Amino acid sequence: MRFVMYIAAALAVMGLGFWAYQENYRTQTAIKDVRRLQAQIGDAHERLGMLRAEWAYLNRPDRLTDLAELNFDRLGLLPLSPDSFGDARYIVYPIPDILPITNPIDVTSIGPSTEEDPL
């Protein structure tokens, strides 16, 4: 009986060791994937910073003013000035159409009418 228990314990230890090595390899693979993804995220942040800097460079007011003046004949764009901007409160919004009421419902707070009204 002891021999069977020793064999079972040895098999259990070998099985747990095999499982531990498998988990170790999976963990190492997951760590490599995380590092690769973090490197990709870092590269994406770097590209995003570069694109934001380029966008800011291309949208300089003096550059846009020069482009508007150069292409006035083709595009008809006027150069930007402080008078070009307005206030939002002066915008006229269209009034929505009022739909006709086709099936009116009579609503009262008195309740249902009865023939014997105590009041």
PDB file of N, CA and C in Angstrom:
ATOM      1  N   MET A   1       0.828  -1.187   0.000  1.00  0.00           N
ATOM      2  CA  MET A   1       0.000   0.000   0.000  1.00  0.00           C
ATOM      3  C   MET A   1       0.878   1.260   0.000  1.00  0.00           C
ATOM      4  N   ARG A   2       1.975   1.195   0.798  1.00  0.00           N
ATOM      5  CA  ARG A   2       2.862   2.344   0.827  1.00  0.00           C
ATOM      6  C   ARG A   2       3.495   2.563  -0.542  1.00  0.00           C
ATOM      7  N   PHE A   3       3.811   1.511  -1.219  1.00  0.00           N
ATOM      8  CA  PHE A   3       4.441   1.609  -2.528  1.00  0.00           C
ATOM      9  C   PHE A   3       3.534   2.341  -3.517  1.00  0.00           C
ATOM     10  N   VAL A   4       2.256   2.032  -3.463  1.00  0.00           N
ATOM     11  CA  VAL A   4       1.287   2.688  -4.345  1.00  0.00           C
ATOM     12  C   VAL A   4       1.188   4.172  -4.000  1.00  0.00           C
ATOM     13  N   MET A   5       1.227   4.508  -2.719  1.00  0.00           N
ATOM     14  CA  MET A   5       1.153   5.910  -2.307  1.00  0.00           C
ATOM     15  C   MET A   5       2.411   6.666  -2.760  1.00  0.00           C
ATOM     16  N   TYR A   6       3.583   6.015  -2.649  1.00  0.00           N
ATOM     17  CA  TYR A   6       4.814   6.642  -3.099  1.00  0.00           C
ATOM     18  C   TYR A   6       4.783   6.883  -4.615  1.00  0.00           C
ATOM     19  N   ILE A   7       4.289   5.918  -5.345  1.00  0.00           N
ATOM     20  CA  ILE A   7       4.176   6.065  -6.793  1.00  0.00           C
ATOM     21  C   ILE A   7       3.199   7.187  -7.126  1.00  0.00           C
ATOM     22  N   ALA A   8       2.056   7.221  -6.450  1.00  0.00           N
ATOM     23  CA  ALA A   8       1.053   8.273  -6.696  1.00  0.00           C
ATOM     24  C   ALA A   8       1.630   9.644  -6.360  1.00  0.00           C
ATOM     25  N   ALA A   9       2.357   9.748  -5.241  1.00  0.00           N
ATOM     26  CA  ALA A   9       2.959  11.025  -4.858  1.00  0.00           C
ATOM     27  C   ALA A   9       4.015  11.441  -5.873  1.00  0.00           C
ATOM     28  N   ALA A  10       4.819  10.499  -6.338  1.00  0.00           N
ATOM     29  CA  ALA A  10       5.843  10.825  -7.334  1.00  0.00           C
ATOM     30  C   ALA A  10       5.206  11.287  -8.638  1.00  0.00           C
ATOM     31  N   LEU A  11       4.149  10.610  -9.052  1.00  0.00           N
ATOM     32  CA  LEU A  11       3.442  11.026 -10.275  1.00  0.00           C
ATOM     33  C   LEU A  11       2.803  12.403 -10.100  1.00  0.00           C
ATOM     34  N   ALA A  12       2.261  12.653  -8.914  1.00  0.00           N
ATOM     35  CA  ALA A  12       1.660  13.964  -8.652  1.00  0.00           C
ATOM     36  C   ALA A  12       2.726  15.057  -8.700  1.00  0.00           C
ATOM     37  N   VAL A  13       3.894  14.796  -8.123  1.00  0.00           N
ATOM     38  CA  VAL A  13       4.973  15.781  -8.141  1.00  0.00           C
ATOM     39  C   VAL A  13       5.442  16.019  -9.570  1.00  0.00           C
ATOM     40  N   MET A  14       5.579  14.946 -10.353  1.00  0.00           N
ATOM     41  CA  MET A  14       5.997  15.120 -11.751  1.00  0.00           C
ATOM     42  C   MET A  14       4.929  15.873 -12.553  1.00  0.00           C
ATOM     43  N   GLY A  15       3.673  15.563 -12.317  1.00  0.00           N
ATOM     44  CA  GLY A  15       2.596  16.270 -13.008  1.00  0.00           C
ATOM     45  C   GLY A  15       2.570  17.740 -12.651  1.00  0.00           C
ATOM     46  N   LEU A  16       2.718  18.038 -11.354  1.00  0.00           N
ATOM     47  CA  LEU A  16       2.741  19.445 -10.930  1.00  0.00           C
ATOM     48  C   LEU A  16       3.976  20.169 -11.466  1.00  0.00           C
ATOM     49  N   GLY A  17       5.100  19.472 -11.537  1.00  0.00           N
ATOM     50  CA  GLY A  17       6.298  20.084 -12.115  1.00  0.00           C
ATOM     51  C   GLY A  17       6.109  20.402 -13.592  1.00  0.00           C
ATOM     52  N   PHE A  18       5.527  19.443 -14.320  1.00  0.00           N
ATOM     53  CA  PHE A  18       5.239  19.677 -15.740  1.00  0.00           C
ATOM     54  C   PHE A  18       4.299  20.859 -15.908  1.00  0.00           C
ATOM     55  N   TRP A  19       3.243  20.924 -15.079  1.00  0.00           N
ATOM     56  CA  TRP A  19       2.290  22.040 -15.134  1.00  0.00           C
ATOM     57  C   TRP A  19       2.989  23.362 -14.817  1.00  0.00           C
ATOM     58  N   ALA A  20       3.889  23.354 -13.803  1.00  0.00           N
ATOM     59  CA  ALA A  20       4.601  24.583 -13.423  1.00  0.00           C
ATOM     60  C   ALA A  20       5.490  25.074 -14.561  1.00  0.00           C
ATOM     61  N   TYR A  21       6.181  24.165 -15.242  1.00  0.00           N
ATOM     62  CA  TYR A  21       7.006  24.570 -16.380  1.00  0.00           C
ATOM     63  C   TYR A  21       6.149  25.129 -17.518  1.00  0.00           C
ATOM     64  N   GLN A  22       5.006  24.510 -17.772  1.00  0.00           N
ATOM     65  CA  GLN A  22       4.111  25.018 -18.816  1.00  0.00           C
ATOM     66  C   GLN A  22       3.633  26.433 -18.473  1.00  0.00           C
ATOM     67  N   GLU A  23       3.251  26.645 -17.224  1.00  0.00           N
ATOM     68  CA  GLU A  23       2.811  27.983 -16.804  1.00  0.00           C
ATOM     69  C   GLU A  23       3.954  28.986 -16.878  1.00  0.00           C
ATOM     70  N   ASN A  24       5.156  28.544 -16.549  1.00  0.00           N
ATOM     71  CA  ASN A  24       6.323  29.421 -16.633  1.00  0.00           C
ATOM     72  C   ASN A  24       6.539  29.864 -18.077  1.00  0.00           C
ATOM     73  N   TYR A  25       6.465  28.945 -19.014  1.00  0.00           N
ATOM     74  CA  TYR A  25       6.645  29.297 -20.430  1.00  0.00           C
ATOM     75  C   TYR A  25       5.523  30.214 -20.912  1.00  0.00           C
ATOM     76  N   ARG A  26       4.297  29.946 -20.496  1.00  0.00           N
ATOM     77  CA  ARG A  26       3.181  30.834 -20.886  1.00  0.00           C
ATOM     78  C   ARG A  26       3.374  32.233 -20.309  1.00  0.00           C
ATOM     79  N   THR A  27       3.845  32.301 -19.076  1.00  0.00           N
ATOM     80  CA  THR A  27       4.065  33.603 -18.446  1.00  0.00           C
ATOM     81  C   THR A  27       5.171  34.365 -19.173  1.00  0.00           C
ATOM     82  N   GLN A  28       6.249  33.692 -19.515  1.00  0.00           N
ATOM     83  CA  GLN A  28       7.327  34.353 -20.240  1.00  0.00           C
ATOM     84  C   GLN A  28       6.860  34.849 -21.607  1.00  0.00           C
ATOM     85  N   THR A  29       6.033  34.042 -22.274  1.00  0.00           N
ATOM     86  CA  THR A  29       5.485  34.468 -23.566  1.00  0.00           C
ATOM     87  C   THR A  29       4.591  35.697 -23.393  1.00  0.00           C
ATOM     88  N   ALA A  30       3.769  35.684 -22.349  1.00  0.00           N
ATOM     89  CA  ALA A  30       2.886  36.827 -22.099  1.00  0.00           C
ATOM     90  C   ALA A  30       3.702  38.079 -21.778  1.00  0.00           C
ATOM     91  N   ILE A  31       4.774  37.938 -21.021  1.00  0.00           N
ATOM     92  CA  ILE A  31       5.617  39.088 -20.682  1.00  0.00           C
ATOM     93  C   ILE A  31       6.274  39.645 -21.942  1.00  0.00           C
ATOM     94  N   LYS A  32       6.739  38.768 -22.832  1.00  0.00           N
ATOM     95  CA  LYS A  32       7.315  39.233 -24.104  1.00  0.00           C
ATOM     96  C   LYS A  32       6.272  39.970 -24.936  1.00  0.00           C
ATOM     97  N   ASP A  33       5.034  39.445 -24.966  1.00  0.00           N
ATOM     98  CA  ASP A  33       3.973  40.115 -25.715  1.00  0.00           C
ATOM     99  C   ASP A  33       3.675  41.489 -25.132  1.00  0.00           C
ATOM    100  N   VAL A  34       3.645  41.581 -23.798  1.00  0.00           N
ATOM    101  CA  VAL A  34       3.379  42.872 -23.153  1.00  0.00           C
ATOM    102  C   VAL A  34       4.487  43.864 -23.470  1.00  0.00           C
ATOM    103  N   ARG A  35       5.731  43.407 -23.426  1.00  0.00           N
ATOM    104  CA  ARG A  35       6.843  44.312 -23.752  1.00  0.00           C
ATOM    105  C   ARG A  35       6.771  44.778 -25.198  1.00  0.00           C
ATOM    106  N   ARG A  36       6.407  43.866 -26.103  1.00  0.00           N
ATOM    107  CA  ARG A  36       6.282  44.232 -27.517  1.00  0.00           C
ATOM    108  C   ARG A  36       5.154  45.248 -27.699  1.00  0.00           C
ATOM    109  N   LEU A  37       4.028  45.019 -27.019  1.00  0.00           N
ATOM    110  CA  LEU A  37       2.915  45.954 -27.128  1.00  0.00           C
ATOM    111  C   LEU A  37       3.261  47.315 -26.520  1.00  0.00           C
ATOM    112  N   GLN A  38       3.990  47.312 -25.407  1.00  0.00           N
ATOM    113  CA  GLN A  38       4.397  48.586 -24.807  1.00  0.00           C
ATOM    114  C   GLN A  38       5.348  49.344 -25.731  1.00  0.00           C
ATOM    115  N   ALA A  39       6.211  48.620 -26.430  1.00  0.00           N
ATOM    116  CA  ALA A  39       7.100  49.276 -27.396  1.00  0.00           C
ATOM    117  C   ALA A  39       6.287  49.867 -28.550  1.00  0.00           C
ATOM    118  N   GLN A  40       5.266  49.126 -29.005  1.00  0.00           N
ATOM    119  CA  GLN A  40       4.414  49.650 -30.074  1.00  0.00           C
ATOM    120  C   GLN A  40       3.650  50.878 -29.609  1.00  0.00           C
ATOM    121  N   ILE A  41       3.171  50.853 -28.364  1.00  0.00           N
ATOM    122  CA  ILE A  41       2.449  52.016 -27.826  1.00  0.00           C
ATOM    123  C   ILE A  41       3.391  53.216 -27.727  1.00  0.00           C
ATOM    124  N   GLY A  42       4.631  52.972 -27.291  1.00  0.00           N
ATOM    125  CA  GLY A  42       5.611  54.066 -27.227  1.00  0.00           C
ATOM    126  C   GLY A  42       5.889  54.645 -28.601  1.00  0.00           C
ATOM    127  N   ASP A  43       6.027  53.779 -29.604  1.00  0.00           N
ATOM    128  CA  ASP A  43       6.243  54.261 -30.974  1.00  0.00           C
ATOM    129  C   ASP A  43       5.038  55.063 -31.465  1.00  0.00           C
ATOM    130  N   ALA A  44       3.837  54.589 -31.133  1.00  0.00           N
ATOM    131  CA  ALA A  44       2.629  55.308 -31.553  1.00  0.00           C
ATOM    132  C   ALA A  44       2.547  56.676 -30.879  1.00  0.00           C
ATOM    133  N   HIS A  45       2.910  56.755 -29.589  1.00  0.00           N
ATOM    134  CA  HIS A  45       2.922  58.057 -28.909  1.00  0.00           C
ATOM    135  C   HIS A  45       3.948  58.997 -29.542  1.00  0.00           C
ATOM    136  N   GLU A  46       5.087  58.440 -29.911  1.00  0.00           N
ATOM    137  CA  GLU A  46       6.114  59.258 -30.550  1.00  0.00           C
ATOM    138  C   GLU A  46       5.633  59.780 -31.907  1.00  0.00           C
ATOM    139  N   ARG A  47       4.999  58.900 -32.694  1.00  0.00           N
ATOM    140  CA  ARG A  47       4.456  59.340 -33.989  1.00  0.00           C
ATOM    141  C   ARG A  47       3.354  60.376 -33.786  1.00  0.00           C
ATOM    142  N   LEU A  48       2.522  60.176 -32.764  1.00  0.00           N
ATOM    143  CA  LEU A  48       1.452  61.128 -32.500  1.00  0.00           C
ATOM    144  C   LEU A  48       2.017  62.493 -32.115  1.00  0.00           C
ATOM    145  N   GLY A  49       3.054  62.502 -31.299  1.00  0.00           N
ATOM    146  CA  GLY A  49       3.691  63.773 -30.945  1.00  0.00           C
ATOM    147  C   GLY A  49       4.269  64.465 -32.163  1.00  0.00           C
ATOM    148  N   MET A  50       4.883  63.675 -33.057  1.00  0.00           N
ATOM    149  CA  MET A  50       5.445  64.242 -34.286  1.00  0.00           C
ATOM    150  C   MET A  50       4.328  64.813 -35.166  1.00  0.00           C
ATOM    151  N   LEU A  51       3.226  64.082 -35.291  1.00  0.00           N
ATOM    152  CA  LEU A  51       2.119  64.568 -36.113  1.00  0.00           C
ATOM    153  C   LEU A  51       1.493  65.831 -35.525  1.00  0.00           C
ATOM    154  N   ARG A  52       1.389  65.887 -34.206  1.00  0.00           N
ATOM    155  CA  ARG A  52       0.843  67.102 -33.580  1.00  0.00           C
ATOM    156  C   ARG A  52       1.759  68.297 -33.815  1.00  0.00           C
ATOM    157  N   ALA A  53       3.066  68.071 -33.732  1.00  0.00           N
ATOM    158  CA  ALA A  53       4.007  69.166 -33.989  1.00  0.00           C
ATOM    159  C   ALA A  53       3.924  69.613 -35.444  1.00  0.00           C
ATOM    160  N   GLU A  54       3.816  68.656 -36.356  1.00  0.00           N
ATOM    161  CA  GLU A  54       3.698  69.008 -37.771  1.00  0.00           C
ATOM    162  C   GLU A  54       2.394  69.756 -38.042  1.00  0.00           C
ATOM    163  N   TRP A  55       1.316  69.316 -37.413  1.00  0.00           N
ATOM    164  CA  TRP A  55       0.025  69.990 -37.584  1.00  0.00           C
ATOM    165  C   TRP A  55       0.104  71.425 -37.064  1.00  0.00           C
ATOM    166  N   ALA A  56       0.729  71.612 -35.912  1.00  0.00           N
ATOM    167  CA  ALA A  56       0.876  72.968 -35.369  1.00  0.00           C
ATOM    168  C   ALA A  56       1.742  73.821 -36.295  1.00  0.00           C
ATOM    169  N   TYR A  57       2.784  73.213 -36.874  1.00  0.00           N
ATOM    170  CA  TYR A  57       3.654  73.957 -37.788  1.00  0.00           C
ATOM    171  C   TYR A  57       2.902  74.359 -39.050  1.00  0.00           C
ATOM    172  N   LEU A  58       2.096  73.449 -39.583  1.00  0.00           N
ATOM    173  CA  LEU A  58       1.373  73.756 -40.818  1.00  0.00           C
ATOM    174  C   LEU A  58       0.212  74.718 -40.596  1.00  0.00           C
ATOM    175  N   ASN A  59      -0.295  74.811 -39.387  1.00  0.00           N
ATOM    176  CA  ASN A  59      -1.437  75.684 -39.110  1.00  0.00           C
ATOM    177  C   ASN A  59      -1.032  76.995 -38.449  1.00  0.00           C
ATOM    178  N   ARG A  60       0.203  77.435 -38.668  1.00  0.00           N
ATOM    179  CA  ARG A  60       0.626  78.735 -38.147  1.00  0.00           C
ATOM    180  C   ARG A  60      -0.210  79.831 -38.813  1.00  0.00           C
ATOM    181  N   PRO A  61      -0.667  80.803 -38.042  1.00  0.00           N
ATOM    182  CA  PRO A  61      -1.495  81.867 -38.629  1.00  0.00           C
ATOM    183  C   PRO A  61      -0.800  82.631 -39.751  1.00  0.00           C
ATOM    184  N   ASP A  62       0.500  82.909 -39.614  1.00  0.00           N
ATOM    185  CA  ASP A  62       1.177  83.671 -40.675  1.00  0.00           C
ATOM    186  C   ASP A  62       1.277  82.840 -41.953  1.00  0.00           C
ATOM    187  N   ARG A  63       1.483  81.532 -41.834  1.00  0.00           N
ATOM    188  CA  ARG A  63       1.535  80.662 -43.017  1.00  0.00           C
ATOM    189  C   ARG A  63       0.165  80.593 -43.687  1.00  0.00           C
ATOM    190  N   LEU A  64      -0.894  80.450 -42.887  1.00  0.00           N
ATOM    191  CA  LEU A  64      -2.240  80.374 -43.462  1.00  0.00           C
ATOM    192  C   LEU A  64      -2.633  81.693 -44.125  1.00  0.00           C
ATOM    193  N   THR A  65      -2.217  82.803 -43.544  1.00  0.00           N
ATOM    194  CA  THR A  65      -2.503  84.105 -44.147  1.00  0.00           C
ATOM    195  C   THR A  65      -1.791  84.225 -45.492  1.00  0.00           C
ATOM    196  N   ASP A  66      -0.528  83.817 -45.554  1.00  0.00           N
ATOM    197  CA  ASP A  66       0.210  83.864 -46.828  1.00  0.00           C
ATOM    198  C   ASP A  66      -0.439  82.960 -47.872  1.00  0.00           C
ATOM    199  N   LEU A  67      -0.868  81.770 -47.470  1.00  0.00           N
ATOM    200  CA  LEU A  67      -1.523  80.862 -48.412  1.00  0.00           C
ATOM    201  C   LEU A  67      -2.849  81.437 -48.913  1.00  0.00           C
ATOM    202  N   ALA A  68      -3.592  82.077 -48.023  1.00  0.00           N
ATOM    203  CA  ALA A  68      -4.858  82.677 -48.440  1.00  0.00           C
ATOM    204  C   ALA A  68      -4.621  83.808 -49.437  1.00  0.00           C
ATOM    205  N   GLU A  69      -3.577  84.585 -49.229  1.00  0.00           N
ATOM    206  CA  GLU A  69      -3.272  85.671 -50.154  1.00  0.00           C
ATOM    207  C   GLU A  69      -2.776  85.135 -51.496  1.00  0.00           C
ATOM    208  N   LEU A  70      -1.952  84.087 -51.471  1.00  0.00           N
ATOM    209  CA  LEU A  70      -1.421  83.512 -52.712  1.00  0.00           C
ATOM    210  C   LEU A  70      -2.518  82.868 -53.563  1.00  0.00           C
ATOM    211  N   ASN A  71      -3.480  82.262 -52.926  1.00  0.00           N
ATOM    212  CA  ASN A  71      -4.513  81.517 -53.647  1.00  0.00           C
ATOM    213  C   ASN A  71      -5.852  82.236 -53.671  1.00  0.00           C
ATOM    214  N   PHE A  72      -5.841  83.561 -53.512  1.00  0.00           N
ATOM    215  CA  PHE A  72      -7.100  84.299 -53.482  1.00  0.00           C
ATOM    216  C   PHE A  72      -7.838  84.190 -54.806  1.00  0.00           C
ATOM    217  N   ASP A  73      -7.120  84.202 -55.929  1.00  0.00           N
ATOM    218  CA  ASP A  73      -7.766  84.141 -57.242  1.00  0.00           C
ATOM    219  C   ASP A  73      -8.529  82.830 -57.425  1.00  0.00           C
ATOM    220  N   ARG A  74      -7.953  81.730 -56.977  1.00  0.00           N
ATOM    221  CA  ARG A  74      -8.597  80.419 -57.175  1.00  0.00           C
ATOM    222  C   ARG A  74      -9.628  80.107 -56.101  1.00  0.00           C
ATOM    223  N   LEU A  75      -9.341  80.430 -54.848  1.00  0.00           N
ATOM    224  CA  LEU A  75     -10.199  79.997 -53.744  1.00  0.00           C
ATOM    225  C   LEU A  75     -11.102  81.096 -53.198  1.00  0.00           C
ATOM    226  N   GLY A  76     -10.697  82.321 -53.322  1.00  0.00           N
ATOM    227  CA  GLY A  76     -11.496  83.427 -52.809  1.00  0.00           C
ATOM    228  C   GLY A  76     -11.477  83.513 -51.289  1.00  0.00           C
ATOM    229  N   LEU A  77     -10.418  82.998 -50.662  1.00  0.00           N
ATOM    230  CA  LEU A  77     -10.314  83.048 -49.208  1.00  0.00           C
ATOM    231  C   LEU A  77      -9.773  84.397 -48.779  1.00  0.00           C
ATOM    232  N   LEU A  78     -10.355  84.932 -47.743  1.00  0.00           N
ATOM    233  CA  LEU A  78      -9.872  86.193 -47.195  1.00  0.00           C
ATOM    234  C   LEU A  78      -8.918  85.898 -46.052  1.00  0.00           C
ATOM    235  N   PRO A  79      -7.930  86.752 -45.829  1.00  0.00           N
ATOM    236  CA  PRO A  79      -7.035  86.518 -44.700  1.00  0.00           C
ATOM    237  C   PRO A  79      -7.777  86.668 -43.372  1.00  0.00           C
ATOM    238  N   LEU A  80      -7.313  85.921 -42.380  1.00  0.00           N
ATOM    239  CA  LEU A  80      -7.941  85.980 -41.068  1.00  0.00           C
ATOM    240  C   LEU A  80      -7.592  87.271 -40.364  1.00  0.00           C
ATOM    241  N   SER A  81      -8.569  87.807 -39.670  1.00  0.00           N
ATOM    242  CA  SER A  81      -8.349  88.999 -38.857  1.00  0.00           C
ATOM    243  C   SER A  81      -9.222  88.855 -37.611  1.00  0.00           C
ATOM    244  N   PRO A  82      -8.980  89.665 -36.603  1.00  0.00           N
ATOM    245  CA  PRO A  82      -9.819  89.558 -35.402  1.00  0.00           C
ATOM    246  C   PRO A  82     -11.294  89.840 -35.683  1.00  0.00           C
ATOM    247  N   ASP A  83     -11.575  90.593 -36.747  1.00  0.00           N
ATOM    248  CA  ASP A  83     -12.968  90.880 -37.088  1.00  0.00           C
ATOM    249  C   ASP A  83     -13.650  89.694 -37.759  1.00  0.00           C
ATOM    250  N   SER A  84     -12.888  88.669 -38.130  1.00  0.00           N
ATOM    251  CA  SER A  84     -13.455  87.520 -38.821  1.00  0.00           C
ATOM    252  C   SER A  84     -14.258  86.611 -37.888  1.00  0.00           C
ATOM    253  N   PHE A  85     -14.081  86.777 -36.601  1.00  0.00           N
ATOM    254  CA  PHE A  85     -14.744  85.914 -35.637  1.00  0.00           C
ATOM    255  C   PHE A  85     -15.951  86.623 -35.058  1.00  0.00           C
ATOM    256  N   GLY A  86     -16.986  85.863 -34.783  1.00  0.00           N
ATOM    257  CA  GLY A  86     -18.199  86.434 -34.209  1.00  0.00           C
ATOM    258  C   GLY A  86     -18.505  85.802 -32.875  1.00  0.00           C
ATOM    259  N   ASP A  87     -19.626  86.201 -32.324  1.00  0.00           N
ATOM    260  CA  ASP A  87     -20.079  85.678 -31.040  1.00  0.00           C
ATOM    261  C   ASP A  87     -21.197  84.677 -31.304  1.00  0.00           C
ATOM    262  N   ALA A  88     -21.208  83.607 -30.577  1.00  0.00           N
ATOM    263  CA  ALA A  88     -22.185  82.536 -30.803  1.00  0.00           C
ATOM    264  C   ALA A  88     -23.612  82.995 -30.515  1.00  0.00           C
ATOM    265  N   ARG A  89     -23.782  83.993 -29.697  1.00  0.00           N
ATOM    266  CA  ARG A  89     -25.152  84.421 -29.370  1.00  0.00           C
ATOM    267  C   ARG A  89     -25.836  85.140 -30.542  1.00  0.00           C
ATOM    268  N   TYR A  90     -25.072  85.521 -31.566  1.00  0.00           N
ATOM    269  CA  TYR A  90     -25.651  86.197 -32.721  1.00  0.00           C
ATOM    270  C   TYR A  90     -26.019  85.239 -33.848  1.00  0.00           C
ATOM    271  N   ILE A  91     -25.843  83.957 -33.633  1.00  0.00           N
ATOM    272  CA  ILE A  91     -26.202  82.968 -34.651  1.00  0.00           C
ATOM    273  C   ILE A  91     -27.717  82.770 -34.625  1.00  0.00           C
ATOM    274  N   VAL A  92     -28.320  82.831 -35.790  1.00  0.00           N
ATOM    275  CA  VAL A  92     -29.766  82.642 -35.903  1.00  0.00           C
ATOM    276  C   VAL A  92     -30.016  81.186 -36.277  1.00  0.00           C
ATOM    277  N   TYR A  93     -30.660  80.478 -35.381  1.00  0.00           N
ATOM    278  CA  TYR A  93     -30.983  79.074 -35.629  1.00  0.00           C
ATOM    279  C   TYR A  93     -32.387  78.986 -36.202  1.00  0.00           C
ATOM    280  N   PRO A  94     -32.630  78.050 -37.120  1.00  0.00           N
ATOM    281  CA  PRO A  94     -33.979  77.938 -37.679  1.00  0.00           C
ATOM    282  C   PRO A  94     -34.966  77.423 -36.628  1.00  0.00           C
ATOM    283  N   ILE A  95     -36.176  77.943 -36.712  1.00  0.00           N
ATOM    284  CA  ILE A  95     -37.233  77.516 -35.795  1.00  0.00           C
ATOM    285  C   ILE A  95     -37.821  76.210 -36.325  1.00  0.00           C
ATOM    286  N   PRO A  96     -37.902  75.185 -35.484  1.00  0.00           N
ATOM    287  CA  PRO A  96     -38.454  73.919 -35.970  1.00  0.00           C
ATOM    288  C   PRO A  96     -39.947  74.052 -36.271  1.00  0.00           C
ATOM    289  N   ASP A  97     -40.378  73.325 -37.279  1.00  0.00           N
ATOM    290  CA  ASP A  97     -41.792  73.360 -37.654  1.00  0.00           C
ATOM    291  C   ASP A  97     -42.636  72.722 -36.561  1.00  0.00           C
ATOM    292  N   ILE A  98     -43.795  73.321 -36.305  1.00  0.00           N
ATOM    293  CA  ILE A  98     -44.731  72.776 -35.325  1.00  0.00           C
ATOM    294  C   ILE A  98     -45.672  71.840 -36.068  1.00  0.00           C
ATOM    295  N   LEU A  99     -45.694  70.604 -35.642  1.00  0.00           N
ATOM    296  CA  LEU A  99     -46.534  69.622 -36.299  1.00  0.00           C
ATOM    297  C   LEU A  99     -47.987  69.798 -35.871  1.00  0.00           C
ATOM    298  N   PRO A 100     -48.914  69.571 -36.783  1.00  0.00           N
ATOM    299  CA  PRO A 100     -50.331  69.717 -36.404  1.00  0.00           C
ATOM    300  C   PRO A 100     -50.754  68.579 -35.468  1.00  0.00           C
ATOM    301  N   ILE A 101     -51.675  68.896 -34.576  1.00  0.00           N
ATOM    302  CA  ILE A 101     -52.221  67.892 -33.656  1.00  0.00           C
ATOM    303  C   ILE A 101     -53.413  67.249 -34.356  1.00  0.00           C
ATOM    304  N   THR A 102     -53.286  65.955 -34.653  1.00  0.00           N
ATOM    305  CA  THR A 102     -54.338  65.271 -35.403  1.00  0.00           C
ATOM    306  C   THR A 102     -55.282  64.472 -34.510  1.00  0.00           C
ATOM    307  N   ASN A 103     -54.791  63.938 -33.411  1.00  0.00           N
ATOM    308  CA  ASN A 103     -55.630  63.153 -32.495  1.00  0.00           C
ATOM    309  C   ASN A 103     -55.497  63.719 -31.091  1.00  0.00           C
ATOM    310  N   PRO A 104     -56.266  64.774 -30.756  1.00  0.00           N
ATOM    311  CA  PRO A 104     -56.130  65.352 -29.423  1.00  0.00           C
ATOM    312  C   PRO A 104     -56.702  64.402 -28.366  1.00  0.00           C
ATOM    313  N   ILE A 105     -56.114  64.428 -27.187  1.00  0.00           N
ATOM    314  CA  ILE A 105     -56.559  63.620 -26.055  1.00  0.00           C
ATOM    315  C   ILE A 105     -56.932  64.584 -24.947  1.00  0.00           C
ATOM    316  N   ASP A 106     -58.139  64.417 -24.400  1.00  0.00           N
ATOM    317  CA  ASP A 106     -58.606  65.269 -23.319  1.00  0.00           C
ATOM    318  C   ASP A 106     -58.019  64.737 -22.009  1.00  0.00           C
ATOM    319  N   VAL A 107     -57.245  65.566 -21.331  1.00  0.00           N
ATOM    320  CA  VAL A 107     -56.611  65.168 -20.089  1.00  0.00           C
ATOM    321  C   VAL A 107     -57.073  66.124 -19.005  1.00  0.00           C
ATOM    322  N   THR A 108     -57.630  65.567 -17.911  1.00  0.00           N
ATOM    323  CA  THR A 108     -58.032  66.381 -16.770  1.00  0.00           C
ATOM    324  C   THR A 108     -57.500  65.751 -15.501  1.00  0.00           C
ATOM    325  N   SER A 109     -57.451  66.542 -14.434  1.00  0.00           N
ATOM    326  CA  SER A 109     -56.965  66.024 -13.160  1.00  0.00           C
ATOM    327  C   SER A 109     -58.121  65.687 -12.227  1.00  0.00           C
ATOM    328  N   ILE A 110     -59.338  65.863 -12.678  1.00  0.00           N
ATOM    329  CA  ILE A 110     -60.506  65.615 -11.826  1.00  0.00           C
ATOM    330  C   ILE A 110     -60.764  64.119 -11.682  1.00  0.00           C
ATOM    331  N   GLY A 111     -60.492  63.363 -12.688  1.00  0.00           N
ATOM    332  CA  GLY A 111     -60.746  61.937 -12.644  1.00  0.00           C
ATOM    333  C   GLY A 111     -61.923  61.602 -13.545  1.00  0.00           C
ATOM    334  N   PRO A 112     -62.346  60.344 -13.543  1.00  0.00           N
ATOM    335  CA  PRO A 112     -63.465  59.971 -14.419  1.00  0.00           C
ATOM    336  C   PRO A 112     -64.767  60.601 -13.931  1.00  0.00           C
ATOM    337  N   SER A 113     -65.549  61.027 -14.883  1.00  0.00           N
ATOM    338  CA  SER A 113     -66.816  61.645 -14.520  1.00  0.00           C
ATOM    339  C   SER A 113     -67.847  60.575 -14.186  1.00  0.00           C
ATOM    340  N   THR A 114     -68.587  60.812 -13.129  1.00  0.00           N
ATOM    341  CA  THR A 114     -69.683  59.912 -12.734  1.00  0.00           C
ATOM    342  C   THR A 114     -70.969  60.704 -12.682  1.00  0.00           C
ATOM    343  N   GLU A 115     -72.052  60.004 -12.811  1.00  0.00           N
ATOM    344  CA  GLU A 115     -73.356  60.698 -12.803  1.00  0.00           C
ATOM    345  C   GLU A 115     -73.679  61.207 -11.422  1.00  0.00           C
ATOM    346  N   GLU A 116     -73.252  60.531 -10.392  1.00  0.00           N
ATOM    347  CA  GLU A 116     -73.539  60.967  -9.013  1.00  0.00           C
ATOM    348  C   GLU A 116     -72.312  61.680  -8.473  1.00  0.00           C
ATOM    349  N   ASP A 117     -72.228  62.961  -8.688  1.00  0.00           N
ATOM    350  CA  ASP A 117     -71.098  63.750  -8.227  1.00  0.00           C
ATOM    351  C   ASP A 117     -71.449  64.353  -6.885  1.00  0.00           C
ATOM    352  N   PRO A 118     -70.698  64.057  -5.798  1.00  0.00           N
ATOM    353  CA  PRO A 118     -71.077  64.574  -4.485  1.00  0.00           C
ATOM    354  C   PRO A 118     -70.846  66.062  -4.351  1.00  0.00           C
ATOM    355  N   LEU A 119     -70.091  66.686  -5.245  1.00  0.00           N
ATOM    356  CA  LEU A 119     -69.853  68.139  -5.107  1.00  0.00           C
ATOM    357  C   LEU A 119     -70.956  68.842  -5.737  1.00  0.00           C
TER     358      LEU A 119
END
